[in-house]
Amino acid sequence: MQPRLDTSIFKSYDVRGIYPAELNDDVAYGIGRCFVPLLRARTIVVGRDMRPSGTKLFQAFARGATDAGADVVDIGLVSTDALYFAVGKFAFDGGVMITASHNPANYNGMKFTRARAEAISLETGLAEIRDRILSGSLPDAASTPGTVSERDVLDAFAEHCLSFIDRRIVKPFKIAIDAGNGMAGKTVPYVFKYLPCDVTPLYFELDGSFPNHPASPIEPENMADLQAAVKKHACDLGVAFDGDADRMFIVDEKGAIVDGSMVTALVALNTLKRHPGAKILYNLICSRSVPELITRAGGVPIRSQVGHSIIKKTMREQDILFGGEHSGHFYFKDNWYADSGMIALMQCLEVFSEATVPVSAVIAPINTRFRSGEINSHVADVPATLARIESHYKDASIDHLDGATISYPHWWMNVRPSNTEPLLRLNVEGDTEELMEQHRDEALALIRDGKA
């Protein structure tokens, strides 16, 4: 039977939609049936997050994959970075993580990898799966169906994360950790049982209805409970993870948010300490302070577009040890080039442990500029709006690596279109808060009403 397919669920880097109106069990079966021949896979590993629909989607996907002849290894409730780890460590032919990450409770989705945790995007396979399901031309069933088995990978995952640091030097920090009722509630205890830290847990209960706040810490309002807990319990720092626990955000001992640019800088420093002269990737939304710091530390900064498929490909091609994004994604060569918020946290704990000052004082010397954060605006005509912005700033240095980056000596901004919606994403940074706010407001006026 050909499932009804809403093609909009196939995004640039994953599948994501409302369950069951957009993504349902029939579609999941079709994806499983097509995924196996795409990879010529014999064995694939599948994990899922805590969303209630995850079990049914797993069962449907597994039926499709086993009907196509592959064996499916079920690693159960895990974080997305634990799924990536399992694919790479245990040499599976591919992997699927059933998750909608930070999206609301009524969503679910899937992230896909080939062997060695190599991400699959719309251009490298998802479009082919989509088109086969849409046309009803599912691959023939195998003469001998595959099997489903279970495997526990979280102890091995914890050891892997800890292998990136010298755990003996980690200080007995008092840390508040907000899991947002997401998968960090399961993975954090596996890792931290090997560390001397005193963890104050917030919302560690796995609950895909997200009863406390959305599991999207990139929005400042979702960090409020963590900030309050750090101050209430006099913690050395706080940490928040998103729903599938692949992204990680930090607050200092005063409750101030340490953004993804600064975490990128910290992990870059720690990487260069072990690997002098290494190449470090940063996406073009990161603070100017990041490439400056990498250069001062003797590394080679590599500027990249936004997006995990692009970043992982660039890191593989150029043999880059570490890459960071403003959005809380951090990528490691020794993690099969995949992202892991937990590994980034371990490296930050090592940096903080080697310092003789509080977290805020570690951050202060590198956090000298002011950033707007990402601001989204729906627009009727994306190309015309971009052209209007570039015309207004025609005396700037402008490049088009990803959207338009408009640069002046003391401030810069990037405006780039969404891959999936008619909107523009704006990021502005200034050497002073006044400069940032002035040009943020000016740019938003140009984007939203054509006037500055």
Protein backbone atom coordinates (compact mmCIF):
# COMPACT_ATOMS: atom_id res chain seq x y z
CA MET A 1 0.00 0.00 0.00
CA GLN A 2 1.31 3.43 -0.93
CA PRO A 3 1.32 5.73 2.12
CA ARG A 4 0.00 9.27 1.80
CA LEU A 5 3.06 11.48 1.94
CA ASP A 6 3.38 15.11 2.96
CA THR A 7 6.67 15.87 1.19
CA SER A 8 7.30 18.90 3.41
CA ILE A 9 8.49 16.59 6.20
CA PHE A 10 11.68 15.93 4.20
CA LYS A 11 13.92 18.80 5.32
CA SER A 12 17.46 19.65 4.22
CA TYR A 13 19.08 17.46 6.87
CA ASP A 14 16.36 15.23 8.34
CA VAL A 15 12.71 14.22 8.37
CA ARG A 16 10.46 16.13 10.75
CA GLY A 17 6.73 16.68 11.11
CA ILE A 18 3.62 16.50 13.27
CA TYR A 19 2.71 12.96 14.34
CA PRO A 20 0.55 11.39 12.96
CA ALA A 21 -0.85 14.08 10.65
CA GLU A 22 2.39 14.55 8.67
CA LEU A 23 4.76 11.80 9.79
CA ASN A 24 3.00 8.52 10.52
CA ASP A 25 3.69 4.81 10.87
CA ASP A 26 3.06 4.03 7.18
CA VAL A 27 5.57 6.67 6.12
CA ALA A 28 8.09 5.36 8.68
CA TYR A 29 7.66 1.87 7.20
CA GLY A 30 8.31 3.23 3.71
CA ILE A 31 11.40 5.08 4.91
CA GLY A 32 12.77 1.88 6.45
CA ARG A 33 12.05 -0.09 3.29
CA CYS A 34 13.91 2.49 1.14
CA PHE A 35 16.74 3.28 3.57
CA VAL A 36 18.24 -0.20 3.46
CA PRO A 37 18.84 -0.46 -0.33
CA LEU A 38 20.02 3.18 -0.41
CA LEU A 39 22.93 2.14 1.82
CA ARG A 40 23.08 -1.50 0.71
CA ALA A 41 22.95 -2.03 4.45
CA ARG A 42 23.10 -5.37 6.19
CA THR A 43 22.89 -4.04 9.76
CA ILE A 44 21.59 -0.68 10.96
CA VAL A 45 21.27 0.76 14.44
CA VAL A 46 18.25 2.73 15.61
CA GLY A 47 17.76 4.91 18.68
CA ARG A 48 14.91 7.13 19.81
CA ASP A 49 14.13 9.93 22.20
CA MET A 50 11.42 10.08 24.86
CA ARG A 51 8.51 11.25 22.66
CA PRO A 52 5.50 8.93 23.06
CA SER A 53 5.24 8.38 19.30
CA GLY A 54 8.85 7.16 19.13
CA THR A 55 8.01 3.54 19.94
CA LYS A 56 5.45 3.20 17.14
CA LEU A 57 7.70 4.95 14.65
CA PHE A 58 10.56 2.64 15.61
CA GLN A 59 8.40 -0.44 15.17
CA ALA A 60 7.18 0.74 11.76
CA PHE A 61 10.65 1.71 10.56
CA ALA A 62 12.08 -1.60 11.79
CA ARG A 63 9.39 -3.54 9.91
CA GLY A 64 10.32 -1.70 6.74
CA ALA A 65 14.04 -2.21 7.24
CA THR A 66 13.76 -5.90 8.10
CA ASP A 67 11.38 -6.49 5.17
CA ALA A 68 14.14 -5.00 3.02
CA GLY A 69 16.53 -7.61 4.42
CA ALA A 70 18.56 -5.70 7.01
CA ASP A 71 19.09 -6.60 10.65
CA VAL A 72 18.05 -3.81 13.03
CA VAL A 73 19.82 -3.22 16.32
CA ASP A 74 17.61 -1.33 18.77
CA ILE A 75 19.63 0.76 21.25
CA GLY A 76 16.49 2.14 22.84
CA LEU A 77 16.25 5.54 24.53
CA VAL A 78 19.44 7.45 23.80
CA SER A 79 20.70 10.90 22.85
CA THR A 80 21.43 11.68 19.22
CA ASP A 81 25.17 11.86 19.88
CA ALA A 82 25.00 8.40 21.45
CA LEU A 83 23.41 7.13 18.21
CA TYR A 84 26.23 8.68 16.19
CA PHE A 85 28.72 7.05 18.57
CA ALA A 86 27.10 3.64 18.14
CA VAL A 87 27.21 3.86 14.34
CA GLY A 88 30.91 4.73 14.36
CA LYS A 89 32.16 2.62 17.24
CA PHE A 90 30.42 -0.62 16.33
CA ALA A 91 30.81 -0.27 12.55
CA PHE A 92 27.15 -0.38 11.57
CA ASP A 93 26.26 0.24 7.93
CA GLY A 94 24.01 3.11 8.95
CA GLY A 95 21.95 4.58 11.73
CA VAL A 96 18.66 6.32 12.39
CA MET A 97 17.74 8.51 15.35
CA ILE A 98 14.00 8.95 15.89
CA THR A 99 13.68 12.46 17.30
CA ALA A 100 12.30 15.90 16.61
CA SER A 101 15.07 17.49 18.70
CA HIS A 102 13.80 20.75 20.23
CA ASN A 103 10.44 20.82 18.41
CA PRO A 104 7.14 20.79 20.36
CA ALA A 105 5.66 17.58 21.74
CA ASN A 106 3.36 16.85 18.79
CA TYR A 107 6.34 16.55 16.42
CA ASN A 108 8.63 13.66 15.71
CA GLY A 109 11.26 12.96 13.09
CA MET A 110 14.34 11.03 12.00
CA LYS A 111 18.02 11.79 11.52
CA PHE A 112 20.01 9.49 9.23
CA THR A 113 23.64 8.46 8.84
CA ARG A 114 25.68 6.18 6.65
CA ALA A 115 28.58 4.15 8.02
CA ARG A 116 31.07 6.08 10.17
CA ALA A 117 28.21 8.40 11.24
CA GLU A 118 28.30 10.28 7.92
CA ALA A 119 25.19 12.45 7.76
CA ILE A 120 22.63 11.92 5.01
CA SER A 121 20.97 15.06 3.65
CA LEU A 122 18.32 15.78 1.02
CA GLU A 123 21.07 15.89 -1.63
CA THR A 124 22.73 12.65 -0.52
CA GLY A 125 19.76 10.31 -0.17
CA LEU A 126 16.70 11.76 1.55
CA ALA A 127 15.26 13.06 -1.73
CA GLU A 128 15.60 9.60 -3.26
CA ILE A 129 13.74 8.04 -0.31
CA ARG A 130 11.05 10.73 -0.54
CA ASP A 131 10.54 10.24 -4.27
CA ARG A 132 10.32 6.45 -4.04
CA ILE A 133 7.65 6.65 -1.33
CA LEU A 134 5.78 9.36 -3.23
CA SER A 135 5.69 7.28 -6.42
CA GLY A 136 4.75 4.10 -4.60
CA SER A 137 7.79 2.30 -6.02
CA LEU A 138 9.09 0.77 -2.80
CA PRO A 139 11.99 -1.66 -3.30
CA ASP A 140 11.09 -5.33 -3.44
CA ALA A 141 10.99 -7.16 -0.14
CA ALA A 142 13.94 -9.43 0.58
CA SER A 143 13.46 -13.16 0.25
CA THR A 144 14.80 -13.51 3.80
CA PRO A 145 13.75 -10.73 6.19
CA GLY A 146 16.15 -9.31 8.73
CA THR A 147 15.96 -9.55 12.50
CA VAL A 148 15.57 -7.08 15.38
CA SER A 149 17.84 -7.28 18.42
CA GLU A 150 18.65 -5.02 21.35
CA ARG A 151 21.94 -3.57 22.58
CA ASP A 152 22.90 -1.22 25.42
CA VAL A 153 25.52 1.34 24.37
CA LEU A 154 25.39 4.03 27.08
CA ASP A 155 28.26 2.77 29.28
CA ALA A 156 30.49 2.62 26.21
CA PHE A 157 29.24 6.08 25.14
CA ALA A 158 30.15 7.53 28.54
CA GLU A 159 33.67 6.10 28.34
CA HIS A 160 34.03 7.56 24.85
CA CYS A 161 33.01 11.05 25.97
CA LEU A 162 35.43 10.92 28.90
CA SER A 163 38.28 9.78 26.65
CA PHE A 164 38.51 13.34 25.30
CA ILE A 165 39.79 14.69 28.64
CA ASP A 166 41.93 13.81 31.63
CA ARG A 167 39.11 13.08 34.06
CA ARG A 168 41.58 13.06 36.97
CA ILE A 169 41.96 16.84 36.83
CA VAL A 170 38.24 17.68 36.81
CA LYS A 171 37.43 19.63 39.96
CA PRO A 172 34.47 18.78 42.21
CA PHE A 173 32.29 21.44 40.64
CA LYS A 174 28.75 22.04 41.78
CA ILE A 175 26.75 21.99 38.52
CA ALA A 176 23.07 22.52 37.82
CA ILE A 177 22.02 20.59 34.70
CA ASP A 178 18.70 21.19 32.95
CA ALA A 179 17.73 18.21 30.78
CA GLY A 180 14.42 19.82 29.77
CA ASN A 181 12.72 16.40 30.24
CA GLY A 182 14.84 15.27 27.28
CA MET A 183 17.47 12.60 26.73
CA ALA A 184 20.19 14.27 28.83
CA GLY A 185 18.13 13.04 31.77
CA LYS A 186 19.26 9.56 30.81
CA THR A 187 22.79 10.16 29.48
CA VAL A 188 24.13 12.62 32.08
CA PRO A 189 24.11 10.08 34.96
CA TYR A 190 26.09 7.59 32.85
CA VAL A 191 28.87 10.14 32.28
CA PHE A 192 28.91 11.99 35.58
CA LYS A 193 29.14 8.84 37.72
CA TYR A 194 32.83 8.88 36.74
CA LEU A 195 33.39 12.53 37.76
CA PRO A 196 33.63 14.16 41.20
CA CYS A 197 31.02 16.82 40.37
CA ASP A 198 27.91 17.45 42.48
CA VAL A 199 25.01 17.62 40.01
CA THR A 200 21.78 19.46 40.80
CA PRO A 201 19.32 17.92 38.30
CA LEU A 202 16.51 19.91 36.69
CA TYR A 203 13.81 18.04 34.77
CA PHE A 204 15.67 14.73 34.36
CA GLU A 205 12.38 12.81 34.07
CA LEU A 206 11.95 11.66 30.48
CA ASP A 207 8.72 13.26 29.30
CA GLY A 208 8.06 14.00 25.64
CA SER A 209 5.21 16.35 26.54
CA PHE A 210 7.80 18.82 27.94
CA PRO A 211 5.74 19.85 30.99
CA ASN A 212 8.24 22.40 32.33
CA HIS A 213 9.53 24.32 29.33
CA PRO A 214 10.40 23.62 25.68
CA ALA A 215 13.65 21.67 25.34
CA SER A 216 15.17 24.44 23.22
CA PRO A 217 17.83 26.24 25.27
CA ILE A 218 18.86 28.52 22.41
CA GLU A 219 15.79 30.62 23.37
CA PRO A 220 16.80 32.63 26.45
CA GLU A 221 13.41 32.23 28.13
CA ASN A 222 13.99 28.47 28.33
CA MET A 223 17.19 29.06 30.33
CA ALA A 224 15.46 30.97 33.15
CA ASP A 225 14.98 27.96 35.45
CA LEU A 226 18.62 26.95 35.06
CA GLN A 227 19.85 30.47 35.74
CA ALA A 228 17.71 30.63 38.88
CA ALA A 229 18.95 27.22 40.06
CA VAL A 230 22.60 28.19 39.62
CA LYS A 231 22.12 31.23 41.82
CA LYS A 232 19.88 29.51 44.36
CA HIS A 233 22.26 26.60 44.90
CA ALA A 234 25.49 28.64 44.54
CA CYS A 235 26.66 26.45 41.66
CA ASP A 236 29.96 26.88 39.83
CA LEU A 237 28.12 26.67 36.50
CA GLY A 238 24.95 25.48 34.85
CA VAL A 239 24.40 23.37 31.72
CA ALA A 240 21.34 22.92 29.49
CA PHE A 241 20.73 20.35 26.76
CA ASP A 242 18.10 20.31 24.04
CA GLY A 243 15.53 17.52 23.64
CA ASP A 244 17.76 14.94 21.94
CA ALA A 245 20.79 16.16 23.93
CA ASP A 246 23.14 16.77 21.02
CA ARG A 247 23.30 20.54 21.72
CA MET A 248 24.71 22.03 24.92
CA PHE A 249 24.61 25.48 26.50
CA ILE A 250 26.37 26.88 29.58
CA VAL A 251 25.65 29.54 32.17
CA ASP A 252 28.35 30.91 34.47
CA GLU A 253 28.25 31.07 38.27
CA LYS A 254 26.39 34.37 38.09
CA GLY A 255 23.67 32.89 35.90
CA ALA A 256 24.84 34.65 32.72
CA ILE A 257 24.45 32.69 29.48
CA VAL A 258 27.68 31.64 27.76
CA ASP A 259 26.71 31.44 24.09
CA GLY A 260 27.80 28.93 21.47
CA SER A 261 30.52 31.22 20.12
CA MET A 262 32.27 31.30 23.47
CA VAL A 263 31.95 27.53 23.94
CA THR A 264 33.47 27.13 20.47
CA ALA A 265 36.37 29.32 21.61
CA LEU A 266 36.87 27.33 24.83
CA VAL A 267 36.91 23.96 23.08
CA ALA A 268 39.18 25.37 20.35
CA LEU A 269 41.68 26.43 23.00
CA ASN A 270 41.56 23.02 24.64
CA THR A 271 42.03 21.30 21.27
CA LEU A 272 45.01 23.50 20.36
CA LYS A 273 46.62 22.76 23.71
CA ARG A 274 46.82 19.10 22.70
CA HIS A 275 47.28 19.66 18.95
CA PRO A 276 49.34 22.82 18.31
CA GLY A 277 48.75 24.38 14.90
CA ALA A 278 45.56 22.42 14.21
CA LYS A 279 42.80 23.61 11.93
CA ILE A 280 39.63 24.65 13.76
CA LEU A 281 36.33 25.23 11.96
CA TYR A 282 33.79 27.85 13.02
CA ASN A 283 30.60 28.81 11.24
CA LEU A 284 30.28 32.33 9.92
CA ILE A 285 27.70 33.30 12.57
CA CYS A 286 30.27 32.88 15.35
CA SER A 287 31.78 35.96 16.97
CA ARG A 288 34.80 37.59 15.34
CA SER A 289 36.52 36.80 18.62
CA VAL A 290 36.58 33.08 17.72
CA PRO A 291 38.94 33.21 14.68
CA GLU A 292 41.01 35.88 16.46
CA LEU A 293 41.50 33.60 19.45
CA ILE A 294 42.28 30.56 17.29
CA THR A 295 44.94 32.56 15.45
CA ARG A 296 46.46 33.89 18.70
CA ALA A 297 46.62 30.33 20.04
CA GLY A 298 48.56 29.19 16.96
CA GLY A 299 45.70 27.44 15.19
CA VAL A 300 44.30 27.85 11.69
CA PRO A 301 40.69 29.16 11.64
CA ILE A 302 38.47 27.76 8.87
CA ARG A 303 35.24 29.70 8.18
CA SER A 304 32.20 27.66 7.16
CA GLN A 305 28.58 27.88 6.16
CA VAL A 306 25.93 26.99 8.73
CA GLY A 307 24.62 23.42 8.83
CA HIS A 308 25.86 20.07 10.08
CA SER A 309 26.03 18.27 6.71
CA ILE A 310 28.24 21.02 5.24
CA ILE A 311 30.41 21.24 8.34
CA LYS A 312 30.99 17.49 8.62
CA LYS A 313 31.85 17.28 4.92
CA THR A 314 34.31 20.18 5.20
CA MET A 315 35.93 18.68 8.29
CA ARG A 316 36.40 15.33 6.58
CA GLU A 317 37.82 16.89 3.43
CA GLN A 318 40.26 19.17 5.28
CA ASP A 319 41.10 16.87 8.22
CA ILE A 320 39.83 19.39 10.80
CA LEU A 321 39.95 18.31 14.45
CA PHE A 322 37.12 20.42 15.86
CA GLY A 323 34.28 22.58 14.59
CA GLY A 324 31.79 24.76 16.46
CA GLU A 325 28.54 26.56 15.71
CA HIS A 326 26.81 29.46 17.43
CA SER A 327 23.75 27.23 17.79
CA GLY A 328 25.34 24.84 20.30
CA HIS A 329 26.52 22.13 17.88
CA PHE A 330 30.14 21.01 18.35
CA TYR A 331 31.88 18.53 16.02
CA PHE A 332 34.92 16.32 16.65
CA LYS A 333 37.12 14.39 14.24
CA ASP A 334 37.63 11.69 16.86
CA ASN A 335 33.85 11.38 17.14
CA TRP A 336 33.56 10.39 13.46
CA TYR A 337 33.18 14.12 12.71
CA ALA A 338 29.78 14.06 14.39
CA ASP A 339 28.51 16.58 16.90
CA SER A 340 28.27 15.95 20.64
CA GLY A 341 27.19 18.35 23.33
CA MET A 342 28.47 15.96 25.99
CA ILE A 343 32.02 15.86 24.59
CA ALA A 344 32.03 19.66 24.36
CA LEU A 345 30.90 19.86 28.00
CA MET A 346 33.71 17.53 29.07
CA GLN A 347 36.26 19.76 27.35
CA CYS A 348 34.80 22.87 28.98
CA LEU A 349 35.00 21.20 32.40
CA GLU A 350 38.67 20.51 31.74
CA VAL A 351 39.28 24.17 30.81
CA PHE A 352 37.44 25.40 33.90
CA SER A 353 39.33 22.91 36.09
CA GLU A 354 42.70 24.17 34.90
CA ALA A 355 41.72 27.77 35.60
CA THR A 356 42.19 29.39 38.99
CA VAL A 357 39.25 31.76 38.57
CA PRO A 358 35.45 31.32 38.29
CA VAL A 359 33.79 30.50 34.97
CA SER A 360 32.77 34.13 34.40
CA ALA A 361 36.41 35.21 34.69
CA VAL A 362 37.50 32.50 32.23
CA ILE A 363 34.97 33.80 29.70
CA ALA A 364 35.44 37.55 30.22
CA PRO A 365 38.73 38.02 28.31
CA ILE A 366 37.33 36.41 25.14
CA ASN A 367 33.76 37.69 25.37
CA THR A 368 34.44 41.31 24.48
CA ARG A 369 31.81 41.93 21.80
CA PHE A 370 28.01 42.14 21.77
CA ARG A 371 25.77 39.83 19.74
CA SER A 372 22.12 40.10 18.83
CA GLY A 373 21.39 36.41 18.72
CA GLU A 374 19.50 35.04 15.73
CA ILE A 375 16.36 37.02 14.80
CA ASN A 376 13.92 35.54 12.28
CA SER A 377 11.68 37.62 10.02
CA HIS A 378 9.06 36.33 7.57
CA VAL A 379 9.38 38.13 4.24
CA ALA A 380 7.36 38.01 1.03
CA ASP A 381 10.33 38.15 -1.36
CA VAL A 382 13.64 36.86 0.01
CA PRO A 383 15.88 37.74 -3.00
CA ALA A 384 14.47 41.28 -3.24
CA THR A 385 14.95 41.85 0.48
CA LEU A 386 18.55 40.65 0.36
CA ALA A 387 19.23 42.93 -2.61
CA ARG A 388 17.75 45.88 -0.73
CA ILE A 389 19.98 45.23 2.28
CA GLU A 390 23.12 44.92 0.17
CA SER A 391 22.30 48.14 -1.66
CA HIS A 392 21.90 49.98 1.63
CA TYR A 393 25.33 48.80 2.83
CA LYS A 394 27.11 49.07 -0.52
CA ASP A 395 30.24 50.61 1.08
CA ALA A 396 30.73 47.48 3.24
CA SER A 397 32.82 44.42 2.59
CA ILE A 398 30.22 41.85 1.49
CA ASP A 399 30.62 38.11 0.93
CA HIS A 400 28.10 35.41 0.02
CA LEU A 401 29.46 32.27 1.66
CA ASP A 402 26.04 31.83 3.32
CA GLY A 403 23.46 34.51 2.59
CA ALA A 404 25.11 37.94 2.82
CA THR A 405 27.75 38.85 5.39
CA ILE A 406 28.16 42.62 5.60
CA SER A 407 31.34 43.70 7.37
CA TYR A 408 32.67 46.97 8.76
CA PRO A 409 35.70 47.49 11.02
CA HIS A 410 33.69 47.65 14.27
CA TRP A 411 30.54 45.67 13.48
CA TRP A 412 29.17 43.07 11.08
CA MET A 413 25.99 41.24 10.30
CA ASN A 414 24.85 38.17 8.42
CA VAL A 415 21.45 37.78 6.75
CA ARG A 416 20.68 34.36 5.35
CA PRO A 417 17.52 32.69 4.07
CA SER A 418 15.95 29.67 5.74
CA ASN A 419 16.21 26.38 3.86
CA THR A 420 12.58 25.54 4.53
CA GLU A 421 10.54 28.75 5.07
CA PRO A 422 10.16 32.22 3.48
CA LEU A 423 12.13 33.93 6.20
CA LEU A 424 15.47 35.63 6.77
CA ARG A 425 17.73 35.01 9.75
CA LEU A 426 19.66 38.03 11.05
CA ASN A 427 22.75 38.01 13.29
CA VAL A 428 24.55 41.23 14.26
CA GLU A 429 27.72 41.73 16.30
CA GLY A 430 29.29 45.01 17.41
CA ASP A 431 32.37 46.03 19.34
CA THR A 432 29.98 47.95 21.61
CA GLU A 433 26.43 47.21 22.66
CA GLU A 434 25.32 50.54 21.20
CA LEU A 435 26.73 49.67 17.77
CA MET A 436 25.10 46.24 17.81
CA GLU A 437 21.69 47.58 18.81
CA GLN A 438 21.83 50.46 16.31
CA HIS A 439 22.60 48.22 13.34
CA ARG A 440 20.32 45.42 14.50
CA ASP A 441 17.37 47.82 14.54
CA GLU A 442 18.44 49.37 11.24
CA ALA A 443 18.68 45.97 9.55
CA LEU A 444 15.34 44.79 10.95
CA ALA A 445 13.66 47.91 9.59
CA LEU A 446 15.12 47.20 6.14
CA ILE A 447 14.00 43.56 6.31
CA ARG A 448 10.50 44.15 7.64
CA ASP A 449 9.33 47.39 6.02
CA GLY A 450 12.03 48.34 3.54
CA LYS A 451 13.11 51.45 5.41
CA ALA A 452 16.08 52.19 7.66
